[in-house]
PDB file of N, CA and C in Angstrom:
ATOM      1  N   MET A   1       0.744  -1.288   0.031  1.00  0.00           N
ATOM      2  CA  MET A   1      -0.383   0.092   0.051  1.00  0.00           C
ATOM      3  C   MET A   1       0.872   1.404  -0.106  1.00  0.00           C
ATOM      4  N   SER A   2       0.802   1.948  -0.658  1.00  0.00           N
ATOM      5  CA  SER A   2       1.937   3.586  -1.071  1.00  0.00           C
ATOM      6  C   SER A   2       1.090   4.517  -0.122  1.00  0.00           C
ATOM      7  N   GLU A   3       1.998   5.069   0.607  1.00  0.00           N
ATOM      8  CA  GLU A   3       1.699   6.488   1.252  1.00  0.00           C
ATOM      9  C   GLU A   3       1.545   7.218   0.406  1.00  0.00           C
ATOM     10  N   ARG A   4       0.064   8.196   0.668  1.00  0.00           N
ATOM     11  CA  ARG A   4       0.531   9.640   0.056  1.00  0.00           C
ATOM     12  C   ARG A   4       0.703  10.836   0.963  1.00  0.00           C
ATOM     13  N   LYS A   5       1.809  11.538   0.270  1.00  0.00           N
ATOM     14  CA  LYS A   5       2.378  12.690   0.894  1.00  0.00           C
ATOM     15  C   LYS A   5       1.539  13.461   0.523  1.00  0.00           C
ATOM     16  N   LEU A   6       1.083  14.360   1.838  1.00  0.00           N
ATOM     17  CA  LEU A   6       0.225  15.575   1.827  1.00  0.00           C
ATOM     18  C   LEU A   6       1.139  16.927   1.097  1.00  0.00           C
ATOM     19  N   ILE A   7       0.425  17.540   0.612  1.00  0.00           N
ATOM     20  CA  ILE A   7       0.741  19.041   0.172  1.00  0.00           C
ATOM     21  C   ILE A   7       0.422  19.892   0.680  1.00  0.00           C
ATOM     22  N   VAL A   8       1.182  21.229   0.552  1.00  0.00           N
ATOM     23  CA  VAL A   8       1.536  22.048   1.725  1.00  0.00           C
ATOM     24  C   VAL A   8      -0.080  22.633   1.955  1.00  0.00           C
ATOM     25  N   ARG A   9      -0.801  22.763   0.990  1.00  0.00           N
ATOM     26  CA  ARG A   9      -2.429  23.217   1.263  1.00  0.00           C
ATOM     27  C   ARG A   9      -3.201  22.340   2.387  1.00  0.00           C
ATOM     28  N   ASP A  10      -3.116  21.097   2.206  1.00  0.00           N
ATOM     29  CA  ASP A  10      -3.767  20.280   2.969  1.00  0.00           C
ATOM     30  C   ASP A  10      -2.994  19.749   4.414  1.00  0.00           C
ATOM     31  N   TRP A  11      -1.642  20.128   4.460  1.00  0.00           N
ATOM     32  CA  TRP A  11      -0.866  20.151   5.769  1.00  0.00           C
ATOM     33  C   TRP A  11      -1.260  21.350   6.526  1.00  0.00           C
ATOM     34  N   LEU A  12      -1.664  22.876   5.708  1.00  0.00           N
ATOM     35  CA  LEU A  12      -1.904  23.774   6.451  1.00  0.00           C
ATOM     36  C   LEU A  12      -3.500  23.563   7.069  1.00  0.00           C
ATOM     37  N   ALA A  13      -4.148  23.217   6.001  1.00  0.00           N
ATOM     38  CA  ALA A  13      -5.416  23.043   6.503  1.00  0.00           C
ATOM     39  C   ALA A  13      -5.537  21.760   7.799  1.00  0.00           C
ATOM     40  N   ILE A  14      -4.646  20.940   7.976  1.00  0.00           N
ATOM     41  CA  ILE A  14      -4.674  20.114   8.962  1.00  0.00           C
ATOM     42  C   ILE A  14      -4.483  21.010   9.829  1.00  0.00           C
ATOM     43  N   GLU A  15      -3.123  22.096  10.064  1.00  0.00           N
ATOM     44  CA  GLU A  15      -2.965  22.496  11.418  1.00  0.00           C
ATOM     45  C   GLU A  15      -3.895  23.588  11.433  1.00  0.00           C
ATOM     46  N   ARG A  16      -4.663  24.087  10.288  1.00  0.00           N
ATOM     47  CA  ARG A  16      -5.861  25.346  10.898  1.00  0.00           C
ATOM     48  C   ARG A  16      -6.624  24.379  11.784  1.00  0.00           C
ATOM     49  N   THR A  17      -7.146  23.327  11.435  1.00  0.00           N
ATOM     50  CA  THR A  17      -8.216  22.377  12.099  1.00  0.00           C
ATOM     51  C   THR A  17      -7.576  22.211  13.618  1.00  0.00           C
ATOM     52  N   LYS A  18      -6.488  21.712  13.774  1.00  0.00           N
ATOM     53  CA  LYS A  18      -6.057  21.547  15.118  1.00  0.00           C
ATOM     54  C   LYS A  18      -6.126  22.655  15.893  1.00  0.00           C
ATOM     55  N   LEU A  19      -6.023  23.929  15.169  1.00  0.00           N
ATOM     56  CA  LEU A  19      -5.647  25.097  16.071  1.00  0.00           C
ATOM     57  C   LEU A  19      -6.964  25.684  16.372  1.00  0.00           C
ATOM     58  N   ALA A  20      -8.102  25.557  15.493  1.00  0.00           N
ATOM     59  CA  ALA A  20      -9.758  25.616  15.755  1.00  0.00           C
ATOM     60  C   ALA A  20     -10.142  24.786  17.211  1.00  0.00           C
ATOM     61  N   ASN A  21      -9.729  23.832  17.139  1.00  0.00           N
ATOM     62  CA  ASN A  21     -10.054  22.549  17.918  1.00  0.00           C
ATOM     63  C   ASN A  21      -9.675  23.169  19.255  1.00  0.00           C
ATOM     64  N   GLU A  22      -8.384  23.623  19.212  1.00  0.00           N
ATOM     65  CA  GLU A  22      -7.784  24.170  20.417  1.00  0.00           C
ATOM     66  C   GLU A  22      -8.678  25.304  21.123  1.00  0.00           C
ATOM     67  N   ARG A  23      -8.846  26.346  19.913  1.00  0.00           N
ATOM     68  CA  ARG A  23      -9.593  27.650  20.299  1.00  0.00           C
ATOM     69  C   ARG A  23     -11.079  27.089  20.774  1.00  0.00           C
ATOM     70  N   THR A  24     -11.539  25.970  20.324  1.00  0.00           N
ATOM     71  CA  THR A  24     -13.153  26.017  21.297  1.00  0.00           C
ATOM     72  C   THR A  24     -12.656  25.412  22.301  1.00  0.00           C
ATOM     73  N   PHE A  25     -11.654  24.516  22.889  1.00  0.00           N
ATOM     74  CA  PHE A  25     -11.581  23.889  23.971  1.00  0.00           C
ATOM     75  C   PHE A  25     -11.429  25.355  24.836  1.00  0.00           C
ATOM     76  N   LEU A  26     -10.796  26.317  24.568  1.00  0.00           N
ATOM     77  CA  LEU A  26     -10.183  27.760  25.113  1.00  0.00           C
ATOM     78  C   LEU A  26     -11.575  28.486  25.423  1.00  0.00           C
ATOM     79  N   SER A  27     -12.383  28.146  24.485  1.00  0.00           N
ATOM     80  CA  SER A  27     -13.841  28.971  24.917  1.00  0.00           C
ATOM     81  C   SER A  27     -14.628  28.225  25.897  1.00  0.00           C
ATOM     82  N   TYR A  28     -14.368  26.918  25.944  1.00  0.00           N
ATOM     83  CA  TYR A  28     -15.191  25.624  26.690  1.00  0.00           C
ATOM     84  C   TYR A  28     -14.585  26.518  28.477  1.00  0.00           C
ATOM     85  N   PHE A  29     -13.553  26.698  28.145  1.00  0.00           N
ATOM     86  CA  PHE A  29     -12.493  26.921  29.478  1.00  0.00           C
ATOM     87  C   PHE A  29     -12.973  28.319  29.907  1.00  0.00           C
ATOM     88  N   ARG A  30     -13.068  29.299  29.256  1.00  0.00           N
ATOM     89  CA  ARG A  30     -13.293  30.456  29.794  1.00  0.00           C
ATOM     90  C   ARG A  30     -14.524  30.764  30.329  1.00  0.00           C
ATOM     91  N   THR A  31     -15.917  29.872  29.483  1.00  0.00           N
ATOM     92  CA  THR A  31     -17.090  29.911  29.934  1.00  0.00           C
ATOM     93  C   THR A  31     -17.177  28.968  31.549  1.00  0.00           C
ATOM     94  N   ALA A  32     -16.541  28.034  31.671  1.00  0.00           N
ATOM     95  CA  ALA A  32     -16.500  27.490  32.571  1.00  0.00           C
ATOM     96  C   ALA A  32     -15.433  28.384  33.721  1.00  0.00           C
ATOM     97  N   PHE A  33     -14.683  29.160  33.579  1.00  0.00           N
ATOM     98  CA  PHE A  33     -13.995  30.106  34.513  1.00  0.00           C
ATOM     99  C   PHE A  33     -15.097  31.233  34.952  1.00  0.00           C
ATOM    100  N   VAL A  34     -15.834  31.769  34.151  1.00  0.00           N
ATOM    101  CA  VAL A  34     -16.382  32.565  34.523  1.00  0.00           C
ATOM    102  C   VAL A  34     -17.814  32.139  35.336  1.00  0.00           C
ATOM    103  N   LEU A  35     -18.697  30.917  35.081  1.00  0.00           N
ATOM    104  CA  LEU A  35     -19.122  30.735  35.512  1.00  0.00           C
ATOM    105  C   LEU A  35     -18.686  30.236  37.073  1.00  0.00           C
ATOM    106  N   PHE A  36     -17.826  29.520  37.207  1.00  0.00           N
ATOM    107  CA  PHE A  36     -16.839  29.313  38.342  1.00  0.00           C
ATOM    108  C   PHE A  36     -16.969  30.367  39.501  1.00  0.00           C
ATOM    109  N   GLY A  37     -16.585  31.738  38.613  1.00  0.00           N
ATOM    110  CA  GLY A  37     -16.326  32.617  39.416  1.00  0.00           C
ATOM    111  C   GLY A  37     -17.775  33.299  39.877  1.00  0.00           C
ATOM    112  N   THR A  38     -18.385  33.444  39.146  1.00  0.00           N
ATOM    113  CA  THR A  38     -19.467  34.027  39.504  1.00  0.00           C
ATOM    114  C   THR A  38     -20.533  33.019  40.929  1.00  0.00           C
ATOM    115  N   GLY A  39     -20.295  31.895  40.540  1.00  0.00           N
ATOM    116  CA  GLY A  39     -20.676  31.059  41.164  1.00  0.00           C
ATOM    117  C   GLY A  39     -20.097  30.990  42.884  1.00  0.00           C
ATOM    118  N   LEU A  40     -18.884  31.285  42.721  1.00  0.00           N
ATOM    119  CA  LEU A  40     -17.825  31.504  44.162  1.00  0.00           C
ATOM    120  C   LEU A  40     -18.466  32.926  44.646  1.00  0.00           C
ATOM    121  N   SER A  41     -18.350  33.694  43.710  1.00  0.00           N
ATOM    122  CA  SER A  41     -19.054  35.372  44.341  1.00  0.00           C
ATOM    123  C   SER A  41     -20.203  35.262  45.018  1.00  0.00           C
ATOM    124  N   ILE A  42     -21.051  34.681  44.161  1.00  0.00           N
ATOM    125  CA  ILE A  42     -22.171  34.622  44.760  1.00  0.00           C
ATOM    126  C   ILE A  42     -22.193  33.619  46.140  1.00  0.00           C
ATOM    127  N   LEU A  43     -21.435  32.934  46.495  1.00  0.00           N
ATOM    128  CA  LEU A  43     -21.386  32.246  47.655  1.00  0.00           C
ATOM    129  C   LEU A  43     -20.904  33.124  48.874  1.00  0.00           C
ATOM    130  N   LYS A  44     -19.399  33.689  48.348  1.00  0.00           N
ATOM    131  CA  LYS A  44     -19.204  34.653  49.309  1.00  0.00           C
ATOM    132  C   LYS A  44     -19.540  35.769  49.811  1.00  0.00           C
ATOM    133  N   ILE A  45     -20.431  36.353  48.785  1.00  0.00           N
ATOM    134  CA  ILE A  45     -21.049  37.940  49.366  1.00  0.00           C
ATOM    135  C   ILE A  45     -22.258  37.494  49.917  1.00  0.00           C
ATOM    136  N   GLU A  46     -22.451  38.151  51.159  1.00  0.00           N
ATOM    137  CA  GLU A  46     -23.167  37.716  52.526  1.00  0.00           C
ATOM    138  C   GLU A  46     -24.985  38.376  51.563  1.00  0.00           C
ATOM    139  N   TYR A  47     -24.803  39.372  50.646  1.00  0.00           N
ATOM    140  CA  TYR A  47     -26.111  40.078  50.103  1.00  0.00           C
ATOM    141  C   TYR A  47     -26.805  38.793  49.304  1.00  0.00           C
ATOM    142  N   PHE A  48     -26.517  37.643  48.635  1.00  0.00           N
ATOM    143  CA  PHE A  48     -26.465  36.900  47.991  1.00  0.00           C
ATOM    144  C   PHE A  48     -27.146  35.635  48.872  1.00  0.00           C
ATOM    145  N   SER A  49     -27.045  35.576  50.036  1.00  0.00           N
ATOM    146  CA  SER A  49     -27.114  34.661  51.302  1.00  0.00           C
ATOM    147  C   SER A  49     -28.436  33.739  50.762  1.00  0.00           C
ATOM    148  N   SER A  50     -29.471  34.712  50.334  1.00  0.00           N
ATOM    149  CA  SER A  50     -30.718  33.817  50.170  1.00  0.00           C
ATOM    150  C   SER A  50     -31.093  32.991  48.924  1.00  0.00           C
ATOM    151  N   VAL A  51     -29.739  33.051  47.789  1.00  0.00           N
ATOM    152  CA  VAL A  51     -29.743  32.626  46.772  1.00  0.00           C
ATOM    153  C   VAL A  51     -28.533  31.711  46.565  1.00  0.00           C
ATOM    154  N   ARG A  52     -27.983  31.015  47.630  1.00  0.00           N
ATOM    155  CA  ARG A  52     -26.897  30.229  47.811  1.00  0.00           C
ATOM    156  C   ARG A  52     -26.670  29.170  46.607  1.00  0.00           C
ATOM    157  N   TYR A  53     -28.549  28.367  46.287  1.00  0.00           N
ATOM    158  CA  TYR A  53     -28.663  27.702  45.780  1.00  0.00           C
ATOM    159  C   TYR A  53     -27.817  27.870  44.199  1.00  0.00           C
ATOM    160  N   VAL A  54     -28.251  28.962  43.844  1.00  0.00           N
ATOM    161  CA  VAL A  54     -27.596  29.375  42.743  1.00  0.00           C
ATOM    162  C   VAL A  54     -25.849  29.584  42.582  1.00  0.00           C
ATOM    163  N   GLY A  55     -25.411  29.726  43.493  1.00  0.00           N
ATOM    164  CA  GLY A  55     -23.748  29.860  43.221  1.00  0.00           C
ATOM    165  C   GLY A  55     -23.450  28.533  43.284  1.00  0.00           C
ATOM    166  N   ILE A  56     -24.276  27.458  44.203  1.00  0.00           N
ATOM    167  CA  ILE A  56     -23.674  25.961  43.977  1.00  0.00           C
ATOM    168  C   ILE A  56     -23.938  25.500  42.872  1.00  0.00           C
ATOM    169  N   LEU A  57     -24.984  25.792  41.988  1.00  0.00           N
ATOM    170  CA  LEU A  57     -25.563  25.325  40.806  1.00  0.00           C
ATOM    171  C   LEU A  57     -24.617  26.112  39.792  1.00  0.00           C
ATOM    172  N   LEU A  58     -24.057  27.131  39.618  1.00  0.00           N
ATOM    173  CA  LEU A  58     -23.056  27.645  38.926  1.00  0.00           C
ATOM    174  C   LEU A  58     -22.057  26.888  39.003  1.00  0.00           C
ATOM    175  N   LEU A  59     -21.345  26.534  40.234  1.00  0.00           N
ATOM    176  CA  LEU A  59     -20.272  26.015  40.528  1.00  0.00           C
ATOM    177  C   LEU A  59     -20.320  24.624  39.931  1.00  0.00           C
ATOM    178  N   THR A  60     -21.467  23.653  39.742  1.00  0.00           N
ATOM    179  CA  THR A  60     -21.481  22.584  39.297  1.00  0.00           C
ATOM    180  C   THR A  60     -21.245  22.757  37.789  1.00  0.00           C
ATOM    181  N   ILE A  61     -22.114  23.390  37.484  1.00  0.00           N
ATOM    182  CA  ILE A  61     -22.147  23.841  35.610  1.00  0.00           C
ATOM    183  C   ILE A  61     -21.015  24.578  35.150  1.00  0.00           C
ATOM    184  N   SER A  62     -20.047  24.615  35.929  1.00  0.00           N
ATOM    185  CA  SER A  62     -18.740  25.114  35.437  1.00  0.00           C
ATOM    186  C   SER A  62     -17.847  23.897  35.740  1.00  0.00           C
ATOM    187  N   LEU A  63     -18.152  23.017  36.298  1.00  0.00           N
ATOM    188  CA  LEU A  63     -17.340  21.708  36.105  1.00  0.00           C
ATOM    189  C   LEU A  63     -17.741  20.991  34.911  1.00  0.00           C
ATOM    190  N   VAL A  64     -18.870  20.867  34.990  1.00  0.00           N
ATOM    191  CA  VAL A  64     -19.841  19.913  33.765  1.00  0.00           C
ATOM    192  C   VAL A  64     -19.292  20.589  32.503  1.00  0.00           C
ATOM    193  N   VAL A  65     -19.224  22.022  32.331  1.00  0.00           N
ATOM    194  CA  VAL A  65     -18.556  22.486  31.058  1.00  0.00           C
ATOM    195  C   VAL A  65     -17.140  22.251  30.937  1.00  0.00           C
ATOM    196  N   LEU A  66     -16.353  22.311  31.797  1.00  0.00           N
ATOM    197  CA  LEU A  66     -14.937  22.133  32.019  1.00  0.00           C
ATOM    198  C   LEU A  66     -14.492  20.776  31.091  1.00  0.00           C
ATOM    199  N   LEU A  67     -15.718  19.859  31.728  1.00  0.00           N
ATOM    200  CA  LEU A  67     -15.248  18.360  31.772  1.00  0.00           C
ATOM    201  C   LEU A  67     -15.905  18.220  30.195  1.00  0.00           C
ATOM    202  N   PHE A  68     -16.844  18.522  30.032  1.00  0.00           N
ATOM    203  CA  PHE A  68     -17.370  18.529  28.328  1.00  0.00           C
ATOM    204  C   PHE A  68     -15.925  19.051  27.434  1.00  0.00           C
ATOM    205  N   GLY A  69     -15.464  20.203  27.506  1.00  0.00           N
ATOM    206  CA  GLY A  69     -15.081  20.648  26.747  1.00  0.00           C
ATOM    207  C   GLY A  69     -13.351  19.864  26.590  1.00  0.00           C
ATOM    208  N   GLY A  70     -13.288  19.400  27.621  1.00  0.00           N
ATOM    209  CA  GLY A  70     -11.560  18.487  27.702  1.00  0.00           C
ATOM    210  C   GLY A  70     -12.291  17.066  26.957  1.00  0.00           C
ATOM    211  N   ILE A  71     -13.564  16.867  27.045  1.00  0.00           N
ATOM    212  CA  ILE A  71     -13.549  15.259  26.472  1.00  0.00           C
ATOM    213  C   ILE A  71     -13.576  15.580  25.000  1.00  0.00           C
ATOM    214  N   ARG A  72     -14.716  16.507  24.602  1.00  0.00           N
ATOM    215  CA  ARG A  72     -14.342  17.072  23.360  1.00  0.00           C
ATOM    216  C   ARG A  72     -13.116  17.498  22.418  1.00  0.00           C
ATOM    217  N   LEU A  73     -12.472  17.893  23.449  1.00  0.00           N
ATOM    218  CA  LEU A  73     -11.062  18.279  22.549  1.00  0.00           C
ATOM    219  C   LEU A  73     -10.257  17.012  22.390  1.00  0.00           C
ATOM    220  N   VAL A  74     -10.125  15.985  23.111  1.00  0.00           N
ATOM    221  CA  VAL A  74      -9.613  14.456  23.308  1.00  0.00           C
ATOM    222  C   VAL A  74     -10.472  14.054  22.105  1.00  0.00           C
ATOM    223  N   GLN A  75     -11.486  13.947  21.784  1.00  0.00           N
ATOM    224  CA  GLN A  75     -12.532  13.206  20.701  1.00  0.00           C
ATOM    225  C   GLN A  75     -12.288  13.655  19.512  1.00  0.00           C
ATOM    226  N   VAL A  76     -12.037  15.000  19.558  1.00  0.00           N
ATOM    227  CA  VAL A  76     -11.808  15.919  18.013  1.00  0.00           C
ATOM    228  C   VAL A  76     -10.388  15.409  17.727  1.00  0.00           C
ATOM    229  N   ARG A  77      -9.487  15.804  18.666  1.00  0.00           N
ATOM    230  CA  ARG A  77      -8.214  15.340  18.021  1.00  0.00           C
ATOM    231  C   ARG A  77      -8.051  13.557  17.538  1.00  0.00           C
ATOM    232  N   LYS A  78      -8.398  13.067  18.569  1.00  0.00           N
ATOM    233  CA  LYS A  78      -8.333  11.536  18.043  1.00  0.00           C
ATOM    234  C   LYS A  78      -8.953  11.806  16.435  1.00  0.00           C
ATOM    235  N   GLY A  79      -9.893  12.147  16.486  1.00  0.00           N
ATOM    236  CA  GLY A  79     -10.592  12.255  14.879  1.00  0.00           C
ATOM    237  C   GLY A  79      -9.401  12.797  13.815  1.00  0.00           C
ATOM    238  N   ILE A  80      -9.097  13.767  14.227  1.00  0.00           N
ATOM    239  CA  ILE A  80      -8.268  14.317  13.116  1.00  0.00           C
ATOM    240  C   ILE A  80      -6.865  13.557  13.054  1.00  0.00           C
ATOM    241  N   LEU A  81      -6.444  12.956  14.159  1.00  0.00           N
ATOM    242  CA  LEU A  81      -5.444  12.447  13.850  1.00  0.00           C
ATOM    243  C   LEU A  81      -5.675  10.840  12.974  1.00  0.00           C
ATOM    244  N   LYS A  82      -6.743  10.038  13.125  1.00  0.00           N
ATOM    245  CA  LYS A  82      -7.541   9.116  12.746  1.00  0.00           C
ATOM    246  C   LYS A  82      -7.655   9.237  11.414  1.00  0.00           C
ATOM    247  N   HIS A  83      -8.227  10.328  10.761  1.00  0.00           N
ATOM    248  CA  HIS A  83      -8.161  10.513   9.490  1.00  0.00           C
ATOM    249  C   HIS A  83      -7.027  10.924   8.574  1.00  0.00           C
ATOM    250  N   TYR A  84      -6.259  11.669   9.308  1.00  0.00           N
ATOM    251  CA  TYR A  84      -4.707  12.132   8.401  1.00  0.00           C
ATOM    252  C   TYR A  84      -3.745  11.456   8.470  1.00  0.00           C
ATOM    253  N   ASN A  85      -3.972  10.415   9.528  1.00  0.00           N
ATOM    254  CA  ASN A  85      -2.537   9.378   9.716  1.00  0.00           C
ATOM    255  C   ASN A  85      -2.742   8.079   8.688  1.00  0.00           C
TER     256      ASN A  85
END
């Protein structure tokens, strides 16, 4: 079976796809970070003591978003490598 060489255009397309995947993960990370900070602020400020459950909910959602983003990063990376290797 002969191995097909990638031309420069194809190689650059693969690199753009990898970078787009990393940018997507960073947006998940940024969203999780904001949710975490907001949830933590709600828990720490006494004025919001009546809505503590919202802070706990935001902290939980932030962990879920970060986990989902990490799983998606790995899955897409494996798909890229599988398709182009």
